[in-house]
Amino acid sequence: MEDGRDALMGNLLYGTPPTLHEIEDRLLAHLQVVIFSKFRRNESFAFHLEAVPGRGTGRQSLWLNPTIPLQFAFSGSRAPEMNREWLAVLLEQANSAKGLRVVPEPVLAAGSIARMDAVA
């Protein structure tokens, strides 16, 4: 986090039985918008993420499908402001043949913050 505090870590739980993937809350909130946007259109896609520290190195790949149970569990109680530029980049990746990959958050430009319910 920018203020030096530790980032809150949430979880993406996917499948049956659910597999837990620890992801920072702010990133998880942005991923939730992108994934729900794809699922609303009944679209499946690949999602690539780095291995969680303590579970090895490298990366993991998931095939996300709207028919497979998915849950987002956040550590924090407040929804973060959404960065429209980051959402656009993540959605563009999710729509590509290579699939969704986590990329660093772009610096916010004026007017690029959106309410969660106004995006996608």
Protein backbone atom coordinates (compact mmCIF):
# COMPACT_ATOMS: atom_id res chain seq x y z
CA MET A 1 0.00 0.00 0.00
CA GLU A 2 1.12 3.54 -0.61
CA ASP A 3 1.01 4.56 3.05
CA GLY A 4 3.39 1.81 4.15
CA ARG A 5 0.79 -0.43 5.81
CA ASP A 6 0.58 -4.06 4.83
CA ALA A 7 -1.89 -4.78 2.03
CA LEU A 8 -5.03 -6.67 3.00
CA MET A 9 -5.05 -10.11 1.44
CA GLY A 10 -8.27 -11.65 0.20
CA ASN A 11 -8.99 -14.96 -1.46
CA LEU A 12 -10.35 -16.19 -4.74
CA LEU A 13 -11.90 -19.62 -4.21
CA TYR A 14 -12.51 -21.60 -7.37
CA GLY A 15 -13.85 -25.05 -8.14
CA THR A 16 -15.30 -27.98 -6.21
CA PRO A 17 -13.78 -28.51 -3.76
CA PRO A 18 -12.61 -24.90 -3.82
CA THR A 19 -8.96 -24.11 -4.41
CA LEU A 20 -7.82 -21.02 -2.52
CA HIS A 21 -5.77 -18.34 -4.30
CA GLU A 22 -4.54 -15.50 -2.06
CA ILE A 23 -4.73 -12.12 -3.81
CA GLU A 24 -4.34 -8.57 -2.48
CA ASP A 25 -7.79 -7.01 -1.85
CA ARG A 26 -7.41 -4.08 -4.27
CA LEU A 27 -6.34 -6.33 -7.13
CA LEU A 28 -9.03 -8.87 -6.20
CA ALA A 29 -11.72 -6.17 -6.45
CA HIS A 30 -10.55 -5.25 -9.95
CA LEU A 31 -10.38 -8.91 -10.98
CA GLN A 32 -13.91 -9.40 -9.66
CA VAL A 33 -15.25 -6.70 -12.00
CA VAL A 34 -13.41 -8.17 -15.00
CA ILE A 35 -14.40 -11.78 -14.26
CA PHE A 36 -18.05 -10.91 -13.63
CA SER A 37 -18.09 -8.92 -16.87
CA LYS A 38 -16.88 -12.00 -18.79
CA PHE A 39 -19.24 -14.35 -16.95
CA ARG A 40 -22.25 -12.10 -17.65
CA ARG A 41 -21.56 -12.82 -21.33
CA ASN A 42 -21.17 -16.53 -20.53
CA GLU A 43 -17.52 -16.43 -21.63
CA SER A 44 -14.77 -18.75 -20.39
CA PHE A 45 -11.12 -17.69 -20.39
CA ALA A 46 -7.65 -18.44 -19.02
CA PHE A 47 -6.40 -16.66 -15.89
CA HIS A 48 -2.68 -16.72 -15.07
CA LEU A 49 -1.34 -15.65 -11.68
CA GLU A 50 1.88 -15.86 -9.72
CA ALA A 51 2.27 -18.65 -7.17
CA VAL A 52 1.51 -17.62 -3.61
CA PRO A 53 4.63 -17.19 -1.43
CA GLY A 54 5.10 -20.34 0.63
CA ARG A 55 3.62 -22.50 -2.14
CA GLY A 56 6.59 -22.43 -4.45
CA THR A 57 7.59 -20.16 -7.26
CA GLY A 58 6.37 -19.73 -10.78
CA ARG A 59 2.82 -19.25 -11.91
CA GLN A 60 -0.55 -20.93 -11.95
CA SER A 61 -3.11 -21.06 -14.73
CA LEU A 62 -6.85 -21.49 -14.24
CA TRP A 63 -9.53 -22.01 -16.85
CA LEU A 64 -12.38 -19.82 -15.60
CA ASN A 65 -15.84 -20.93 -16.62
CA PRO A 66 -19.15 -19.40 -15.48
CA THR A 67 -20.51 -22.84 -14.53
CA ILE A 68 -17.76 -23.53 -11.97
CA PRO A 69 -18.29 -22.17 -8.43
CA LEU A 70 -16.32 -18.99 -7.74
CA GLN A 71 -16.14 -16.90 -4.59
CA PHE A 72 -14.33 -13.66 -3.75
CA ALA A 73 -13.48 -13.26 -0.05
CA PHE A 74 -12.07 -9.87 0.95
CA SER A 75 -10.17 -9.15 4.15
CA GLY A 76 -11.16 -5.49 4.23
CA SER A 77 -14.70 -4.27 4.79
CA ARG A 78 -14.53 -1.31 2.40
CA ALA A 79 -14.64 -1.63 -1.39
CA PRO A 80 -11.73 0.21 -3.01
CA GLU A 81 -12.16 2.87 -5.65
CA MET A 82 -11.89 1.37 -9.11
CA ASN A 83 -9.15 2.44 -11.53
CA ARG A 84 -10.83 2.53 -14.98
CA GLU A 85 -7.50 2.34 -16.80
CA TRP A 86 -6.49 -0.81 -14.92
CA LEU A 87 -9.91 -2.37 -15.54
CA ALA A 88 -9.59 -1.66 -19.27
CA VAL A 89 -6.13 -3.27 -19.44
CA LEU A 90 -7.25 -6.32 -17.44
CA LEU A 91 -10.40 -6.75 -19.53
CA GLU A 92 -8.40 -6.41 -22.75
CA GLN A 93 -6.14 -9.21 -21.53
CA ALA A 94 -9.08 -11.40 -20.52
CA ASN A 95 -10.46 -10.96 -24.06
CA SER A 96 -7.15 -11.95 -25.66
CA ALA A 97 -6.10 -15.43 -26.77
CA LYS A 98 -3.36 -15.44 -24.09
CA GLY A 99 -5.83 -14.84 -21.26
CA LEU A 100 -5.93 -12.64 -18.18
CA ARG A 101 -2.60 -11.84 -16.52
CA VAL A 102 -2.04 -9.59 -13.54
CA VAL A 103 -0.28 -6.39 -14.55
CA PRO A 104 0.82 -3.47 -12.35
CA GLU A 105 -1.81 -0.83 -11.68
CA PRO A 106 -1.37 2.23 -13.91
CA VAL A 107 -1.08 5.62 -12.24
CA LEU A 108 -4.53 7.16 -11.84
CA ALA A 109 -5.36 9.99 -14.21
CA ALA A 110 -7.93 12.62 -13.30
CA GLY A 111 -11.44 11.23 -13.68
CA SER A 112 -10.35 7.58 -13.92
CA ILE A 113 -11.86 6.49 -10.59
CA ALA A 114 -15.28 4.88 -10.74
CA ARG A 115 -17.79 3.42 -8.34
CA MET A 116 -17.86 -0.39 -8.36
CA ASP A 117 -21.48 -0.48 -9.62
CA ALA A 118 -20.74 1.90 -12.51
CA VAL A 119 -18.04 -0.22 -14.15
CA ALA A 120 -18.33 -3.02 -16.72
